[in-house]
Amino acid sequence: MPSCGLGQAVSSAHGEIVHFHSDRDVDLRLTDRAVRRFAKDLKSSDAIRVVPGSPWVTLRLDAGSDVDLLLTLVSVALQAQQTWRDPDDRAAAGCNDQRGAGFVKADHSGT
């Protein structure tokens, strides 16, 4: 599946793992099993959006700790794709931004 981000993406042999939609908004693809395993932790973070049924997790990078979280989750995603691969027949789904489920874009127009 081609990237739906800004062209800045990281992929493994099993497909795309992460791409950026802006300087602050990042989509990270996890396996279903990884999302289920870490669901409580993912949902408890204000920096993360989890969309039911989506393999993509959206992160908002507002602080250095959010970047640390992203690096940790990229490591989890790489390991999950090797250890808990989704079935080959799993339907490809667009990322959360394409689904309208990313973070609400702030209005910086000053009006």
PDB file of N, CA and C in Angstrom:
ATOM      1  N   MET A   1       0.848  -1.179   0.000  1.00  0.00           N
ATOM      2  CA  MET A   1       0.000   0.000   0.000  1.00  0.00           C
ATOM      3  C   MET A   1       0.884   1.230   0.000  1.00  0.00           C
ATOM      4  N   PRO A   2       0.643   2.204  -0.866  1.00  0.00           N
ATOM      5  CA  PRO A   2       1.452   3.413  -0.875  1.00  0.00           C
ATOM      6  C   PRO A   2       1.189   4.264   0.360  1.00  0.00           C
ATOM      7  N   SER A   3       2.160   5.046   0.715  1.00  0.00           N
ATOM      8  CA  SER A   3       2.045   5.918   1.870  1.00  0.00           C
ATOM      9  C   SER A   3       0.987   6.981   1.643  1.00  0.00           C
ATOM     10  N   CYS A   4       0.256   7.311   2.711  1.00  0.00           N
ATOM     11  CA  CYS A   4      -0.705   8.410   2.612  1.00  0.00           C
ATOM     12  C   CYS A   4      -0.161   9.639   3.332  1.00  0.00           C
ATOM     13  N   GLY A   5       1.096   9.597   3.723  1.00  0.00           N
ATOM     14  CA  GLY A   5       1.708  10.706   4.438  1.00  0.00           C
ATOM     15  C   GLY A   5       2.414  11.681   3.512  1.00  0.00           C
ATOM     16  N   LEU A   6       3.378  12.388   4.055  1.00  0.00           N
ATOM     17  CA  LEU A   6       4.107  13.429   3.338  1.00  0.00           C
ATOM     18  C   LEU A   6       5.306  12.885   2.567  1.00  0.00           C
ATOM     19  N   GLY A   7       5.365  11.593   2.353  1.00  0.00           N
ATOM     20  CA  GLY A   7       6.507  11.008   1.663  1.00  0.00           C
ATOM     21  C   GLY A   7       7.617  10.605   2.618  1.00  0.00           C
ATOM     22  N   GLN A   8       7.474  10.901   3.893  1.00  0.00           N
ATOM     23  CA  GLN A   8       8.448  10.524   4.904  1.00  0.00           C
ATOM     24  C   GLN A   8       7.908   9.281   5.590  1.00  0.00           C
ATOM     25  N   ALA A   9       8.403   8.111   5.190  1.00  0.00           N
ATOM     26  CA  ALA A   9       7.871   6.867   5.719  1.00  0.00           C
ATOM     27  C   ALA A   9       8.997   5.893   6.035  1.00  0.00           C
ATOM     28  N   VAL A  10       8.683   4.959   6.938  1.00  0.00           N
ATOM     29  CA  VAL A  10       9.581   3.863   7.273  1.00  0.00           C
ATOM     30  C   VAL A  10       8.826   2.576   6.979  1.00  0.00           C
ATOM     31  N   SER A  11       9.488   1.663   6.278  1.00  0.00           N
ATOM     32  CA  SER A  11       8.862   0.392   5.923  1.00  0.00           C
ATOM     33  C   SER A  11       9.770  -0.763   6.312  1.00  0.00           C
ATOM     34  N   SER A  12       9.154  -1.932   6.452  1.00  0.00           N
ATOM     35  CA  SER A  12       9.902  -3.173   6.648  1.00  0.00           C
ATOM     36  C   SER A  12       9.586  -4.077   5.461  1.00  0.00           C
ATOM     37  N   ALA A  13      10.100  -5.280   5.493  1.00  0.00           N
ATOM     38  CA  ALA A  13       9.816  -6.233   4.422  1.00  0.00           C
ATOM     39  C   ALA A  13       8.327  -6.581   4.365  1.00  0.00           C
ATOM     40  N   HIS A  14       7.606  -6.314   5.445  1.00  0.00           N
ATOM     41  CA  HIS A  14       6.189  -6.656   5.530  1.00  0.00           C
ATOM     42  C   HIS A  14       5.269  -5.478   5.261  1.00  0.00           C
ATOM     43  N   GLY A  15       5.824  -4.337   4.911  1.00  0.00           N
ATOM     44  CA  GLY A  15       4.999  -3.182   4.576  1.00  0.00           C
ATOM     45  C   GLY A  15       5.375  -1.935   5.360  1.00  0.00           C
ATOM     46  N   GLU A  16       4.612  -0.903   5.111  1.00  0.00           N
ATOM     47  CA  GLU A  16       4.856   0.391   5.754  1.00  0.00           C
ATOM     48  C   GLU A  16       4.575   0.311   7.243  1.00  0.00           C
ATOM     49  N   ILE A  17       5.420   0.990   8.028  1.00  0.00           N
ATOM     50  CA  ILE A  17       5.276   0.995   9.480  1.00  0.00           C
ATOM     51  C   ILE A  17       4.850   2.360   9.993  1.00  0.00           C
ATOM     52  N   VAL A  18       5.456   3.418   9.481  1.00  0.00           N
ATOM     53  CA  VAL A  18       5.170   4.748  10.011  1.00  0.00           C
ATOM     54  C   VAL A  18       5.299   5.784   8.902  1.00  0.00           C
ATOM     55  N   HIS A  19       4.438   6.806   8.968  1.00  0.00           N
ATOM     56  CA  HIS A  19       4.570   7.948   8.059  1.00  0.00           C
ATOM     57  C   HIS A  19       4.052   9.201   8.764  1.00  0.00           C
ATOM     58  N   PHE A  20       4.536  10.346   8.308  1.00  0.00           N
ATOM     59  CA  PHE A  20       4.188  11.633   8.903  1.00  0.00           C
ATOM     60  C   PHE A  20       3.144  12.334   8.040  1.00  0.00           C
ATOM     61  N   HIS A  21       2.165  12.938   8.697  1.00  0.00           N
ATOM     62  CA  HIS A  21       1.179  13.775   7.999  1.00  0.00           C
ATOM     63  C   HIS A  21       1.536  15.245   8.131  1.00  0.00           C
ATOM     64  N   SER A  22       2.306  15.570   9.157  1.00  0.00           N
ATOM     65  CA  SER A  22       2.776  16.935   9.383  1.00  0.00           C
ATOM     66  C   SER A  22       4.016  16.815  10.266  1.00  0.00           C
ATOM     67  N   ASP A  23       4.541  17.930  10.707  1.00  0.00           N
ATOM     68  CA  ASP A  23       5.688  17.894  11.615  1.00  0.00           C
ATOM     69  C   ASP A  23       5.321  17.265  12.956  1.00  0.00           C
ATOM     70  N   ARG A  24       4.030  17.227  13.277  1.00  0.00           N
ATOM     71  CA  ARG A  24       3.586  16.751  14.590  1.00  0.00           C
ATOM     72  C   ARG A  24       2.711  15.513  14.554  1.00  0.00           C
ATOM     73  N   ASP A  25       2.076  15.209  13.433  1.00  0.00           N
ATOM     74  CA  ASP A  25       1.135  14.092  13.365  1.00  0.00           C
ATOM     75  C   ASP A  25       1.733  12.918  12.610  1.00  0.00           C
ATOM     76  N   VAL A  26       1.758  11.762  13.271  1.00  0.00           N
ATOM     77  CA  VAL A  26       2.400  10.560  12.755  1.00  0.00           C
ATOM     78  C   VAL A  26       1.414   9.394  12.840  1.00  0.00           C
ATOM     79  N   ASP A  27       1.350   8.595  11.779  1.00  0.00           N
ATOM     80  CA  ASP A  27       0.583   7.355  11.812  1.00  0.00           C
ATOM     81  C   ASP A  27       1.551   6.193  11.886  1.00  0.00           C
ATOM     82  N   LEU A  28       1.274   5.262  12.780  1.00  0.00           N
ATOM     83  CA  LEU A  28       2.106   4.089  13.009  1.00  0.00           C
ATOM     84  C   LEU A  28       1.230   2.856  12.850  1.00  0.00           C
ATOM     85  N   ARG A  29       1.682   1.897  12.028  1.00  0.00           N
ATOM     86  CA  ARG A  29       0.892   0.693  11.777  1.00  0.00           C
ATOM     87  C   ARG A  29       1.353  -0.423  12.696  1.00  0.00           C
ATOM     88  N   LEU A  30       0.406  -0.913  13.492  1.00  0.00           N
ATOM     89  CA  LEU A  30       0.656  -2.034  14.385  1.00  0.00           C
ATOM     90  C   LEU A  30      -0.201  -3.222  13.939  1.00  0.00           C
ATOM     91  N   THR A  31       0.191  -4.415  14.302  1.00  0.00           N
ATOM     92  CA  THR A  31      -0.642  -5.575  14.024  1.00  0.00           C
ATOM     93  C   THR A  31      -1.847  -5.558  14.962  1.00  0.00           C
ATOM     94  N   ASP A  32      -2.889  -6.301  14.598  1.00  0.00           N
ATOM     95  CA  ASP A  32      -4.065  -6.391  15.473  1.00  0.00           C
ATOM     96  C   ASP A  32      -3.676  -6.880  16.858  1.00  0.00           C
ATOM     97  N   ARG A  33      -2.815  -7.878  16.899  1.00  0.00           N
ATOM     98  CA  ARG A  33      -2.413  -8.438  18.186  1.00  0.00           C
ATOM     99  C   ARG A  33      -1.657  -7.410  19.031  1.00  0.00           C
ATOM    100  N   ALA A  34      -0.789  -6.624  18.401  1.00  0.00           N
ATOM    101  CA  ALA A  34      -0.045  -5.602  19.141  1.00  0.00           C
ATOM    102  C   ALA A  34      -0.993  -4.527  19.677  1.00  0.00           C
ATOM    103  N   VAL A  35      -1.976  -4.120  18.872  1.00  0.00           N
ATOM    104  CA  VAL A  35      -2.946  -3.119  19.343  1.00  0.00           C
ATOM    105  C   VAL A  35      -3.712  -3.674  20.543  1.00  0.00           C
ATOM    106  N   ARG A  36      -4.165  -4.926  20.452  1.00  0.00           N
ATOM    107  CA  ARG A  36      -4.896  -5.529  21.580  1.00  0.00           C
ATOM    108  C   ARG A  36      -4.007  -5.637  22.812  1.00  0.00           C
ATOM    109  N   ARG A  37      -2.760  -6.045  22.608  1.00  0.00           N
ATOM    110  CA  ARG A  37      -1.844  -6.244  23.737  1.00  0.00           C
ATOM    111  C   ARG A  37      -1.579  -4.939  24.494  1.00  0.00           C
ATOM    112  N   PHE A  38      -1.451  -3.840  23.748  1.00  0.00           N
ATOM    113  CA  PHE A  38      -1.097  -2.559  24.359  1.00  0.00           C
ATOM    114  C   PHE A  38      -2.271  -1.574  24.416  1.00  0.00           C
ATOM    115  N   ALA A  39      -3.487  -2.045  24.199  1.00  0.00           N
ATOM    116  CA  ALA A  39      -4.661  -1.157  24.097  1.00  0.00           C
ATOM    117  C   ALA A  39      -4.813  -0.241  25.310  1.00  0.00           C
ATOM    118  N   LYS A  40      -4.700  -0.777  26.492  1.00  0.00           N
ATOM    119  CA  LYS A  40      -4.883   0.034  27.701  1.00  0.00           C
ATOM    120  C   LYS A  40      -3.859   1.170  27.755  1.00  0.00           C
ATOM    121  N   ASP A  41      -2.597   0.857  27.474  1.00  0.00           N
ATOM    122  CA  ASP A  41      -1.539   1.873  27.498  1.00  0.00           C
ATOM    123  C   ASP A  41      -1.736   2.897  26.385  1.00  0.00           C
ATOM    124  N   LEU A  42      -2.114   2.416  25.191  1.00  0.00           N
ATOM    125  CA  LEU A  42      -2.301   3.324  24.064  1.00  0.00           C
ATOM    126  C   LEU A  42      -3.448   4.289  24.323  1.00  0.00           C
ATOM    127  N   LYS A  43      -4.544   3.783  24.856  1.00  0.00           N
ATOM    128  CA  LYS A  43      -5.735   4.610  25.076  1.00  0.00           C
ATOM    129  C   LYS A  43      -5.574   5.574  26.248  1.00  0.00           C
ATOM    130  N   SER A  44      -4.622   5.291  27.132  1.00  0.00           N
ATOM    131  CA  SER A  44      -4.443   6.166  28.300  1.00  0.00           C
ATOM    132  C   SER A  44      -3.572   7.386  28.002  1.00  0.00           C
ATOM    133  N   SER A  45      -2.963   7.421  26.842  1.00  0.00           N
ATOM    134  CA  SER A  45      -2.081   8.538  26.482  1.00  0.00           C
ATOM    135  C   SER A  45      -2.846   9.599  25.695  1.00  0.00           C
ATOM    136  N   ASP A  46      -2.685  10.863  26.091  1.00  0.00           N
ATOM    137  CA  ASP A  46      -3.311  11.970  25.360  1.00  0.00           C
ATOM    138  C   ASP A  46      -2.649  12.190  24.004  1.00  0.00           C
ATOM    139  N   ALA A  47      -1.452  11.653  23.808  1.00  0.00           N
ATOM    140  CA  ALA A  47      -0.710  11.851  22.566  1.00  0.00           C
ATOM    141  C   ALA A  47      -1.103  10.836  21.488  1.00  0.00           C
ATOM    142  N   ILE A  48      -1.971   9.881  21.833  1.00  0.00           N
ATOM    143  CA  ILE A  48      -2.285   8.785  20.915  1.00  0.00           C
ATOM    144  C   ILE A  48      -3.776   8.717  20.625  1.00  0.00           C
ATOM    145  N   ARG A  49      -4.106   8.460  19.364  1.00  0.00           N
ATOM    146  CA  ARG A  49      -5.480   8.181  18.946  1.00  0.00           C
ATOM    147  C   ARG A  49      -5.518   6.758  18.407  1.00  0.00           C
ATOM    148  N   VAL A  50      -6.405   5.942  18.974  1.00  0.00           N
ATOM    149  CA  VAL A  50      -6.631   4.579  18.511  1.00  0.00           C
ATOM    150  C   VAL A  50      -8.018   4.550  17.883  1.00  0.00           C
ATOM    151  N   VAL A  51      -8.112   4.058  16.677  1.00  0.00           N
ATOM    152  CA  VAL A  51      -9.381   3.961  15.968  1.00  0.00           C
ATOM    153  C   VAL A  51      -9.767   2.492  15.903  1.00  0.00           C
ATOM    154  N   PRO A  52     -10.917   2.121  16.475  1.00  0.00           N
ATOM    155  CA  PRO A  52     -11.325   0.716  16.429  1.00  0.00           C
ATOM    156  C   PRO A  52     -11.338   0.181  14.999  1.00  0.00           C
ATOM    157  N   GLY A  53     -10.746  -0.979  14.829  1.00  0.00           N
ATOM    158  CA  GLY A  53     -10.712  -1.615  13.524  1.00  0.00           C
ATOM    159  C   GLY A  53      -9.592  -1.155  12.616  1.00  0.00           C
ATOM    160  N   SER A  54      -8.837  -0.157  13.028  1.00  0.00           N
ATOM    161  CA  SER A  54      -7.744   0.354  12.207  1.00  0.00           C
ATOM    162  C   SER A  54      -6.417  -0.200  12.709  1.00  0.00           C
ATOM    163  N   PRO A  55      -5.537  -0.617  11.802  1.00  0.00           N
ATOM    164  CA  PRO A  55      -4.207  -1.042  12.233  1.00  0.00           C
ATOM    165  C   PRO A  55      -3.298   0.151  12.520  1.00  0.00           C
ATOM    166  N   TRP A  56      -3.769   1.354  12.231  1.00  0.00           N
ATOM    167  CA  TRP A  56      -2.964   2.562  12.416  1.00  0.00           C
ATOM    168  C   TRP A  56      -3.265   3.215  13.755  1.00  0.00           C
ATOM    169  N   VAL A  57      -2.216   3.673  14.423  1.00  0.00           N
ATOM    170  CA  VAL A  57      -2.308   4.447  15.653  1.00  0.00           C
ATOM    171  C   VAL A  57      -1.720   5.811  15.324  1.00  0.00           C
ATOM    172  N   THR A  58      -2.422   6.880  15.671  1.00  0.00           N
ATOM    173  CA  THR A  58      -1.970   8.231  15.366  1.00  0.00           C
ATOM    174  C   THR A  58      -1.352   8.858  16.611  1.00  0.00           C
ATOM    175  N   LEU A  59      -0.174   9.443  16.438  1.00  0.00           N
ATOM    176  CA  LEU A  59       0.508  10.121  17.535  1.00  0.00           C
ATOM    177  C   LEU A  59       0.624  11.601  17.219  1.00  0.00           C
ATOM    178  N   ARG A  60       0.445  12.424  18.245  1.00  0.00           N
ATOM    179  CA  ARG A  60       0.671  13.867  18.156  1.00  0.00           C
ATOM    180  C   ARG A  60       1.928  14.158  18.944  1.00  0.00           C
ATOM    181  N   LEU A  61       2.936  14.673  18.280  1.00  0.00           N
ATOM    182  CA  LEU A  61       4.228  14.933  18.910  1.00  0.00           C
ATOM    183  C   LEU A  61       4.278  16.365  19.432  1.00  0.00           C
ATOM    184  N   ASP A  62       3.928  16.538  20.701  1.00  0.00           N
ATOM    185  CA  ASP A  62       3.928  17.857  21.325  1.00  0.00           C
ATOM    186  C   ASP A  62       5.100  18.057  22.279  1.00  0.00           C
ATOM    187  N   ALA A  63       5.726  16.971  22.712  1.00  0.00           N
ATOM    188  CA  ALA A  63       6.797  17.062  23.707  1.00  0.00           C
ATOM    189  C   ALA A  63       7.859  16.016  23.415  1.00  0.00           C
ATOM    190  N   GLY A  64       9.009  16.183  24.019  1.00  0.00           N
ATOM    191  CA  GLY A  64      10.086  15.215  23.849  1.00  0.00           C
ATOM    192  C   GLY A  64       9.670  13.816  24.260  1.00  0.00           C
ATOM    193  N   SER A  65       8.838  13.714  25.284  1.00  0.00           N
ATOM    194  CA  SER A  65       8.385  12.393  25.724  1.00  0.00           C
ATOM    195  C   SER A  65       7.526  11.717  24.648  1.00  0.00           C
ATOM    196  N   ASP A  66       6.833  12.516  23.820  1.00  0.00           N
ATOM    197  CA  ASP A  66       6.036  11.943  22.729  1.00  0.00           C
ATOM    198  C   ASP A  66       6.946  11.339  21.656  1.00  0.00           C
ATOM    199  N   VAL A  67       8.093  11.970  21.416  1.00  0.00           N
ATOM    200  CA  VAL A  67       9.061  11.436  20.454  1.00  0.00           C
ATOM    201  C   VAL A  67       9.638  10.132  20.999  1.00  0.00           C
ATOM    202  N   ASP A  68       9.933  10.096  22.305  1.00  0.00           N
ATOM    203  CA  ASP A  68      10.410   8.858  22.926  1.00  0.00           C
ATOM    204  C   ASP A  68       9.364   7.752  22.778  1.00  0.00           C
ATOM    205  N   LEU A  69       8.098   8.098  22.972  1.00  0.00           N
ATOM    206  CA  LEU A  69       7.006   7.138  22.819  1.00  0.00           C
ATOM    207  C   LEU A  69       6.946   6.630  21.381  1.00  0.00           C
ATOM    208  N   LEU A  70       7.095   7.529  20.411  1.00  0.00           N
ATOM    209  CA  LEU A  70       7.089   7.135  19.006  1.00  0.00           C
ATOM    210  C   LEU A  70       8.205   6.133  18.724  1.00  0.00           C
ATOM    211  N   LEU A  71       9.405   6.414  19.187  1.00  0.00           N
ATOM    212  CA  LEU A  71      10.529   5.509  18.962  1.00  0.00           C
ATOM    213  C   LEU A  71      10.265   4.137  19.579  1.00  0.00           C
ATOM    214  N   THR A  72       9.692   4.112  20.759  1.00  0.00           N
ATOM    215  CA  THR A  72       9.344   2.846  21.404  1.00  0.00           C
ATOM    216  C   THR A  72       8.310   2.093  20.586  1.00  0.00           C
ATOM    217  N   LEU A  73       7.286   2.806  20.103  1.00  0.00           N
ATOM    218  CA  LEU A  73       6.233   2.149  19.335  1.00  0.00           C
ATOM    219  C   LEU A  73       6.714   1.684  17.963  1.00  0.00           C
ATOM    220  N   VAL A  74       7.671   2.398  17.358  1.00  0.00           N
ATOM    221  CA  VAL A  74       8.247   1.916  16.099  1.00  0.00           C
ATOM    222  C   VAL A  74       8.960   0.591  16.356  1.00  0.00           C
ATOM    223  N   SER A  75       9.664   0.494  17.467  1.00  0.00           N
ATOM    224  CA  SER A  75      10.326  -0.757  17.829  1.00  0.00           C
ATOM    225  C   SER A  75       9.295  -1.868  18.034  1.00  0.00           C
ATOM    226  N   VAL A  76       8.205  -1.549  18.727  1.00  0.00           N
ATOM    227  CA  VAL A  76       7.121  -2.520  18.926  1.00  0.00           C
ATOM    228  C   VAL A  76       6.543  -2.952  17.582  1.00  0.00           C
ATOM    229  N   ALA A  77       6.334  -1.992  16.680  1.00  0.00           N
ATOM    230  CA  ALA A  77       5.756  -2.295  15.369  1.00  0.00           C
ATOM    231  C   ALA A  77       6.671  -3.214  14.565  1.00  0.00           C
ATOM    232  N   LEU A  78       7.967  -2.942  14.578  1.00  0.00           N
ATOM    233  CA  LEU A  78       8.917  -3.801  13.856  1.00  0.00           C
ATOM    234  C   LEU A  78       8.893  -5.218  14.419  1.00  0.00           C
ATOM    235  N   GLN A  79       8.913  -5.322  15.739  1.00  0.00           N
ATOM    236  CA  GLN A  79       8.893  -6.640  16.367  1.00  0.00           C
ATOM    237  C   GLN A  79       7.559  -7.342  16.113  1.00  0.00           C
ATOM    238  N   ALA A  80       6.465  -6.599  16.191  1.00  0.00           N
ATOM    239  CA  ALA A  80       5.147  -7.196  15.983  1.00  0.00           C
ATOM    240  C   ALA A  80       5.001  -7.730  14.564  1.00  0.00           C
ATOM    241  N   GLN A  81       5.529  -6.999  13.589  1.00  0.00           N
ATOM    242  CA  GLN A  81       5.416  -7.465  12.208  1.00  0.00           C
ATOM    243  C   GLN A  81       6.223  -8.738  11.975  1.00  0.00           C
ATOM    244  N   GLN A  82       7.269  -8.937  12.750  1.00  0.00           N
ATOM    245  CA  GLN A  82       8.061 -10.156  12.609  1.00  0.00           C
ATOM    246  C   GLN A  82       7.471 -11.307  13.419  1.00  0.00           C
ATOM    247  N   THR A  83       6.924 -10.985  14.600  1.00  0.00           N
ATOM    248  CA  THR A  83       6.455 -12.002  15.530  1.00  0.00           C
ATOM    249  C   THR A  83       4.976 -12.323  15.383  1.00  0.00           C
ATOM    250  N   TRP A  84       4.149 -11.274  15.246  1.00  0.00           N
ATOM    251  CA  TRP A  84       2.690 -11.440  15.245  1.00  0.00           C
ATOM    252  C   TRP A  84       2.096 -10.927  13.951  1.00  0.00           C
ATOM    253  N   ARG A  85       2.639 -11.323  12.839  1.00  0.00           N
ATOM    254  CA  ARG A  85       2.169 -10.800  11.556  1.00  0.00           C
ATOM    255  C   ARG A  85       0.673 -11.002  11.395  1.00  0.00           C
ATOM    256  N   ASP A  86       0.032  -9.993  10.794  1.00  0.00           N
ATOM    257  CA  ASP A  86      -1.371 -10.116  10.437  1.00  0.00           C
ATOM    258  C   ASP A  86      -1.482 -11.118   9.297  1.00  0.00           C
ATOM    259  N   PRO A  87      -2.624 -11.771   9.167  1.00  0.00           N
ATOM    260  CA  PRO A  87      -2.793 -12.712   8.051  1.00  0.00           C
ATOM    261  C   PRO A  87      -2.579 -12.008   6.707  1.00  0.00           C
ATOM    262  N   ASP A  88      -2.011 -12.750   5.751  1.00  0.00           N
ATOM    263  CA  ASP A  88      -1.757 -12.177   4.432  1.00  0.00           C
ATOM    264  C   ASP A  88      -3.036 -11.741   3.735  1.00  0.00           C
ATOM    265  N   ASP A  89      -4.161 -12.360   4.101  1.00  0.00           N
ATOM    266  CA  ASP A  89      -5.417 -12.019   3.444  1.00  0.00           C
ATOM    267  C   ASP A  89      -6.167 -10.887   4.139  1.00  0.00           C
ATOM    268  N   ARG A  90      -5.541 -10.273   5.156  1.00  0.00           N
ATOM    269  CA  ARG A  90      -6.189  -9.159   5.846  1.00  0.00           C
ATOM    270  C   ARG A  90      -6.341  -7.984   4.887  1.00  0.00           C
ATOM    271  N   ALA A  91      -7.521  -7.444   4.843  1.00  0.00           N
ATOM    272  CA  ALA A  91      -7.791  -6.327   3.928  1.00  0.00           C
ATOM    273  C   ALA A  91      -6.957  -5.118   4.316  1.00  0.00           C
ATOM    274  N   ALA A  92      -6.369  -4.482   3.315  1.00  0.00           N
ATOM    275  CA  ALA A  92      -5.604  -3.256   3.548  1.00  0.00           C
ATOM    276  C   ALA A  92      -6.564  -2.128   3.893  1.00  0.00           C
ATOM    277  N   ALA A  93      -6.201  -1.341   4.878  1.00  0.00           N
ATOM    278  CA  ALA A  93      -7.047  -0.225   5.290  1.00  0.00           C
ATOM    279  C   ALA A  93      -6.252   1.064   5.206  1.00  0.00           C
ATOM    280  N   GLY A  94      -6.926   2.131   4.827  1.00  0.00           N
ATOM    281  CA  GLY A  94      -6.273   3.426   4.796  1.00  0.00           C
ATOM    282  C   GLY A  94      -5.892   3.857   6.199  1.00  0.00           C
ATOM    283  N   CYS A  95      -4.927   4.751   6.285  1.00  0.00           N
ATOM    284  CA  CYS A  95      -4.495   5.219   7.594  1.00  0.00           C
ATOM    285  C   CYS A  95      -5.581   6.077   8.235  1.00  0.00           C
ATOM    286  N   ASN A  96      -5.374   6.442   9.485  1.00  0.00           N
ATOM    287  CA  ASN A  96      -6.393   7.181  10.230  1.00  0.00           C
ATOM    288  C   ASN A  96      -6.686   8.545   9.629  1.00  0.00           C
ATOM    289  N   ASP A  97      -5.683   9.193   9.040  1.00  0.00           N
ATOM    290  CA  ASP A  97      -5.911  10.501   8.432  1.00  0.00           C
ATOM    291  C   ASP A  97      -6.881  10.378   7.258  1.00  0.00           C
ATOM    292  N   GLN A  98      -6.730   9.325   6.465  1.00  0.00           N
ATOM    293  CA  GLN A  98      -7.643   9.097   5.344  1.00  0.00           C
ATOM    294  C   GLN A  98      -9.044   8.763   5.825  1.00  0.00           C
ATOM    295  N   ARG A  99      -9.135   8.232   7.019  1.00  0.00           N
ATOM    296  CA  ARG A  99     -10.427   7.860   7.588  1.00  0.00           C
ATOM    297  C   ARG A  99     -11.060   9.027   8.354  1.00  0.00           C
ATOM    298  N   GLY A 100     -10.385  10.170   8.386  1.00  0.00           N
ATOM    299  CA  GLY A 100     -10.905  11.328   9.116  1.00  0.00           C
ATOM    300  C   GLY A 100     -10.845  11.155  10.608  1.00  0.00           C
ATOM    301  N   ALA A 101      -9.907  10.334  11.077  1.00  0.00           N
ATOM    302  CA  ALA A 101      -9.862  10.004  12.491  1.00  0.00           C
ATOM    303  C   ALA A 101      -8.573  10.441  13.166  1.00  0.00           C
ATOM    304  N   GLY A 102      -7.819  11.319  12.529  1.00  0.00           N
ATOM    305  CA  GLY A 102      -6.594  11.817  13.146  1.00  0.00           C
ATOM    306  C   GLY A 102      -6.931  12.873  14.190  1.00  0.00           C
ATOM    307  N   PHE A 103      -5.971  13.651  14.548  1.00  0.00           N
ATOM    308  CA  PHE A 103      -6.201  14.732  15.512  1.00  0.00           C
ATOM    309  C   PHE A 103      -6.913  15.889  14.793  1.00  0.00           C
ATOM    310  N   VAL A 104      -7.722  16.609  15.538  1.00  0.00           N
ATOM    311  CA  VAL A 104      -8.384  17.789  14.969  1.00  0.00           C
ATOM    312  C   VAL A 104      -7.322  18.818  14.666  1.00  0.00           C
ATOM    313  N   LYS A 105      -7.323  19.320  13.471  1.00  0.00           N
ATOM    314  CA  LYS A 105      -6.325  20.303  13.067  1.00  0.00           C
ATOM    315  C   LYS A 105      -6.648  21.660  13.712  1.00  0.00           C
ATOM    316  N   ALA A 106      -5.642  22.237  14.337  1.00  0.00           N
ATOM    317  CA  ALA A 106      -5.829  23.527  15.014  1.00  0.00           C
ATOM    318  C   ALA A 106      -5.990  24.639  13.973  1.00  0.00           C
ATOM    319  N   ASP A 107      -6.821  25.608  14.299  1.00  0.00           N
ATOM    320  CA  ASP A 107      -7.006  26.778  13.424  1.00  0.00           C
ATOM    321  C   ASP A 107      -6.013  27.836  13.849  1.00  0.00           C
ATOM    322  N   HIS A 108      -5.024  28.083  13.002  1.00  0.00           N
ATOM    323  CA  HIS A 108      -3.993  29.078  13.304  1.00  0.00           C
ATOM    324  C   HIS A 108      -4.221  30.380  12.526  1.00  0.00           C
ATOM    325  N   SER A 109      -5.425  30.594  12.027  1.00  0.00           N
ATOM    326  CA  SER A 109      -5.693  31.770  11.202  1.00  0.00           C
ATOM    327  C   SER A 109      -5.847  33.037  12.036  1.00  0.00           C
ATOM    328  N   GLY A 110      -6.083  32.870  13.334  1.00  0.00           N
ATOM    329  CA  GLY A 110      -6.218  34.031  14.209  1.00  0.00           C
ATOM    330  C   GLY A 110      -7.594  34.660  14.156  1.00  0.00           C
ATOM    331  N   THR A 111      -8.564  34.017  13.500  1.00  0.00           N
ATOM    332  CA  THR A 111      -9.914  34.550  13.459  1.00  0.00           C
ATOM    333  C   THR A 111     -10.819  33.864  14.417  1.00  0.00           C
TER     334      THR A 111
END
